[in-house]
Amino acid sequence: MRIVIAEDDPLLREGIGAVLVAEGHEVVAAVGDGDLLLEAVERHEPDVAVVDVRMPPTHTDEGVRAAVEARRRRPGLPVLVLSAYVERAFATDLLSQGSAGLGYLLKERVGRVETFVQALEHVARGGTAIDPEVVAQLVARPDPRMARLTAREREVLSLMAEGRGNAAIAQELVVTDGAVHKHIRSIFAKLDLPPSDDADRRVTAVLHYLENR
């Protein structure tokens, strides 16, 4: 897997690169700001990009804006965003454009090599990987629709928000695939998400869950 890293902290940038190389991946570029990220993506056409949320010059949202622009220039480019802490607006801005091939992890996960690498590989395959802590903090505001869900349906939706497929959810909850499918249909109904050709109901349900709007 060919990877571009965009992280302004040299030590963390080198550390992430070393971890990925040790896992058998190729780091084709490691840069320190959003402009260099865009250049690297165009030049190397990586399989996935790892991007810090905050980068120079203002250390606010340059990483997120660069990630969104990179996905605009190369539709479908998988991106794993790293943040020191949960930043609600940045997470929902990214997810609002679709969650396929997108991840949002806290930087503390990088030290857990297996978790980090698995999340990156899942995103590179087109999956979604959202840090459980991000999910927990983004659901802080109440949503009347969420009150309709049972405790088990909330568990299922939380795992969906982490990017788990039906089989993985069934394994985690020790239930059948059929039971998971039934729970998801119930979630869609309770969140007022009728079948539609224009939207992925799974993504929409996760966004409702994350945004609580």
Protein backbone atom coordinates (compact mmCIF):
# COMPACT_ATOMS: atom_id res chain seq x y z
CA MET A 1 0.00 0.00 0.00
CA ARG A 2 1.40 3.41 -1.04
CA ILE A 3 0.89 6.12 1.57
CA VAL A 4 1.31 9.89 1.86
CA ILE A 5 1.67 11.33 5.38
CA ALA A 6 0.91 14.98 6.21
CA GLU A 7 1.91 15.85 9.78
CA ASP A 8 3.72 18.99 10.93
CA ASP A 9 5.37 17.39 13.97
CA PRO A 10 8.62 15.89 12.56
CA LEU A 11 8.94 13.26 15.28
CA LEU A 12 5.37 12.03 14.87
CA ARG A 13 5.67 12.16 11.09
CA GLU A 14 8.78 10.01 11.17
CA GLY A 15 7.25 7.71 13.77
CA ILE A 16 4.13 7.06 11.70
CA GLY A 17 6.28 6.43 8.66
CA ALA A 18 8.47 3.97 10.53
CA VAL A 19 5.45 2.07 11.82
CA LEU A 20 3.92 1.78 8.37
CA VAL A 21 7.19 0.71 6.71
CA ALA A 22 7.66 -1.93 9.42
CA GLU A 23 4.19 -3.23 8.56
CA GLY A 24 5.21 -3.68 4.94
CA HIS A 25 3.74 -0.52 3.43
CA GLU A 26 5.46 2.11 1.30
CA VAL A 27 5.54 5.74 2.42
CA VAL A 28 5.89 7.64 -0.87
CA ALA A 29 5.90 11.09 0.76
CA ALA A 30 5.93 12.60 4.26
CA VAL A 31 5.17 16.33 4.35
CA GLY A 32 4.47 19.05 6.89
CA ASP A 33 1.66 21.19 5.48
CA GLY A 34 -1.51 21.10 3.40
CA ASP A 35 -0.05 22.54 0.19
CA LEU A 36 2.69 19.93 0.15
CA LEU A 37 0.06 17.26 0.79
CA LEU A 38 -1.85 18.27 -2.34
CA GLU A 39 1.37 18.27 -4.36
CA ALA A 40 2.30 14.82 -3.04
CA VAL A 41 -1.14 13.39 -3.78
CA GLU A 42 -1.01 14.63 -7.37
CA ARG A 43 2.56 13.48 -7.90
CA HIS A 44 2.43 10.06 -6.26
CA GLU A 45 -1.26 9.05 -6.57
CA PRO A 46 -1.18 7.17 -3.24
CA ASP A 47 -3.54 4.46 -2.11
CA VAL A 48 -4.31 6.41 1.08
CA ALA A 49 -3.33 9.62 2.86
CA VAL A 50 -2.76 10.11 6.60
CA VAL A 51 -3.49 13.74 7.48
CA ASP A 52 -3.18 15.79 10.68
CA VAL A 53 -6.15 18.08 11.35
CA ARG A 54 -4.07 21.09 12.41
CA MET A 55 -1.11 22.17 10.30
CA PRO A 56 0.76 25.37 9.37
CA PRO A 57 0.41 28.24 8.94
CA THR A 58 -2.45 28.83 11.42
CA HIS A 59 -2.67 25.36 12.97
CA THR A 60 -6.47 25.42 12.82
CA ASP A 61 -8.20 23.49 10.03
CA GLU A 62 -5.55 23.39 7.27
CA GLY A 63 -5.33 19.62 7.39
CA VAL A 64 -9.08 19.13 7.07
CA ARG A 65 -9.33 21.63 4.22
CA ALA A 66 -6.43 19.95 2.44
CA ALA A 67 -8.02 16.53 2.91
CA VAL A 68 -11.33 17.76 1.47
CA GLU A 69 -9.53 19.35 -1.47
CA ALA A 70 -7.46 16.21 -2.08
CA ARG A 71 -10.65 14.13 -2.22
CA ARG A 72 -12.18 16.69 -4.59
CA ARG A 73 -9.19 16.44 -6.93
CA ARG A 74 -8.99 12.68 -6.64
CA PRO A 75 -12.53 11.41 -5.98
CA GLY A 76 -12.51 8.36 -3.76
CA LEU A 77 -9.04 9.01 -2.32
CA PRO A 78 -9.02 7.25 1.06
CA VAL A 79 -8.01 9.60 3.88
CA LEU A 80 -7.33 8.87 7.54
CA VAL A 81 -7.43 12.08 9.59
CA LEU A 82 -5.58 12.30 12.90
CA SER A 83 -6.41 14.75 15.68
CA ALA A 84 -5.03 15.36 19.15
CA TYR A 85 -8.58 15.67 20.47
CA VAL A 86 -12.17 15.51 19.22
CA GLU A 87 -13.09 18.44 16.99
CA ARG A 88 -16.80 18.19 16.24
CA ALA A 89 -17.03 20.60 13.31
CA PHE A 90 -14.06 19.06 11.50
CA ALA A 91 -15.35 15.51 11.86
CA THR A 92 -18.84 16.31 10.63
CA ASP A 93 -17.52 18.46 7.76
CA LEU A 94 -15.53 15.50 6.49
CA LEU A 95 -18.34 12.98 6.96
CA SER A 96 -20.94 15.21 5.31
CA GLN A 97 -19.28 14.50 1.96
CA GLY A 98 -19.66 10.76 2.40
CA SER A 99 -17.89 8.37 4.73
CA ALA A 100 -16.52 5.79 2.26
CA GLY A 101 -12.74 5.61 2.47
CA LEU A 102 -12.61 7.99 5.40
CA GLY A 103 -11.28 7.69 8.93
CA TYR A 104 -11.01 9.99 11.95
CA LEU A 105 -8.77 8.82 14.78
CA LEU A 106 -7.27 10.41 17.85
CA LYS A 107 -3.49 10.54 17.74
CA GLU A 108 -3.22 8.42 20.86
CA ARG A 109 -4.33 5.47 18.70
CA VAL A 110 -1.12 5.70 16.66
CA GLY A 111 0.75 4.23 19.63
CA ARG A 112 -1.51 1.20 19.44
CA VAL A 113 0.11 -0.06 16.27
CA GLU A 114 -2.30 -2.89 15.47
CA THR A 115 -5.38 -0.68 15.93
CA PHE A 116 -3.88 2.14 13.86
CA VAL A 117 -2.74 -0.07 11.00
CA GLN A 118 -6.02 -1.97 10.89
CA ALA A 119 -7.94 1.31 10.72
CA LEU A 120 -5.72 2.62 7.93
CA GLU A 121 -6.03 -0.57 5.90
CA HIS A 122 -9.81 -0.57 6.38
CA VAL A 123 -10.04 3.02 5.14
CA ALA A 124 -7.80 2.20 2.17
CA ARG A 125 -10.27 -0.52 1.17
CA GLY A 126 -13.08 2.03 1.13
CA GLY A 127 -14.33 1.51 4.67
CA THR A 128 -14.99 3.97 7.48
CA ALA A 129 -12.99 4.10 10.72
CA ILE A 130 -14.16 6.50 13.41
CA ASP A 131 -12.49 6.56 16.80
CA PRO A 132 -14.86 5.34 19.54
CA GLU A 133 -13.96 8.40 21.63
CA VAL A 134 -14.91 10.65 18.72
CA VAL A 135 -18.26 8.90 18.50
CA ALA A 136 -18.80 9.18 22.25
CA GLN A 137 -18.13 12.93 22.34
CA LEU A 138 -20.02 13.79 19.17
CA VAL A 139 -23.24 12.26 20.48
CA ALA A 140 -23.34 14.50 23.54
CA ARG A 141 -26.26 16.66 22.39
CA PRO A 142 -29.70 15.01 22.64
CA ASP A 143 -31.70 14.23 19.50
CA PRO A 144 -35.40 13.38 19.87
CA ARG A 145 -35.04 10.67 17.23
CA MET A 146 -32.29 8.97 19.20
CA ALA A 147 -34.69 8.52 22.12
CA ARG A 148 -36.70 6.16 19.92
CA LEU A 149 -33.86 3.65 19.75
CA THR A 150 -33.48 0.72 22.10
CA ALA A 151 -30.22 0.16 23.96
CA ARG A 152 -29.26 -2.60 21.52
CA GLU A 153 -30.06 -0.40 18.51
CA ARG A 154 -27.79 2.28 19.96
CA GLU A 155 -25.03 -0.30 20.26
CA VAL A 156 -25.51 -1.31 16.64
CA LEU A 157 -25.50 2.30 15.44
CA SER A 158 -22.39 3.08 17.48
CA LEU A 159 -20.58 0.18 15.80
CA MET A 160 -21.84 1.35 12.41
CA ALA A 161 -20.33 4.75 13.20
CA GLU A 162 -16.98 3.03 13.80
CA GLY A 163 -17.17 1.65 10.27
CA ARG A 164 -18.10 -1.93 11.18
CA GLY A 165 -19.96 -4.06 8.63
CA ASN A 166 -22.91 -6.27 9.54
CA ALA A 167 -20.78 -9.37 10.06
CA ALA A 168 -18.35 -7.52 12.34
CA ILE A 169 -21.23 -6.05 14.34
CA ALA A 170 -22.78 -9.50 14.73
CA GLN A 171 -19.47 -10.89 15.96
CA GLU A 172 -18.97 -8.02 18.42
CA LEU A 173 -22.48 -8.34 19.87
CA VAL A 174 -22.56 -12.16 19.64
CA VAL A 175 -25.77 -12.22 17.59
CA THR A 176 -26.68 -13.45 14.12
CA ASP A 177 -26.29 -11.46 10.92
CA GLY A 178 -30.05 -11.61 10.58
CA ALA A 179 -30.52 -9.97 13.98
CA VAL A 180 -28.15 -7.15 13.00
CA HIS A 181 -30.03 -6.63 9.74
CA LYS A 182 -33.29 -6.43 11.67
CA HIS A 183 -31.86 -3.88 14.11
CA ILE A 184 -30.56 -1.73 11.25
CA ARG A 185 -33.95 -1.74 9.50
CA SER A 186 -35.52 -0.64 12.77
CA ILE A 187 -32.91 2.12 13.16
CA PHE A 188 -33.69 3.44 9.69
CA ALA A 189 -37.40 3.48 10.47
CA LYS A 190 -37.00 5.24 13.83
CA LEU A 191 -34.66 7.86 12.35
CA ASP A 192 -37.18 8.55 9.56
CA LEU A 193 -34.89 7.30 6.79
CA PRO A 194 -37.03 5.77 4.04
CA PRO A 195 -35.38 3.92 1.13
CA SER A 196 -33.81 6.35 -1.34
CA ASP A 197 -31.69 6.10 -4.46
CA ASP A 198 -30.12 9.48 -3.66
CA ALA A 199 -28.57 8.72 -0.28
CA ASP A 200 -26.85 5.88 1.53
CA ARG A 201 -29.11 5.36 4.54
CA ARG A 202 -26.30 3.79 6.50
CA VAL A 203 -24.14 6.90 6.12
CA THR A 204 -27.10 9.18 6.81
CA ALA A 205 -27.93 7.27 10.00
CA VAL A 206 -24.34 7.59 11.19
CA LEU A 207 -24.38 11.32 10.45
CA HIS A 208 -27.59 11.74 12.46
CA TYR A 209 -25.91 9.86 15.26
CA LEU A 210 -22.73 11.95 15.14
CA GLU A 211 -24.34 15.33 14.66
CA ASN A 212 -27.37 14.96 16.95
CA ARG A 213 -29.15 17.61 14.98
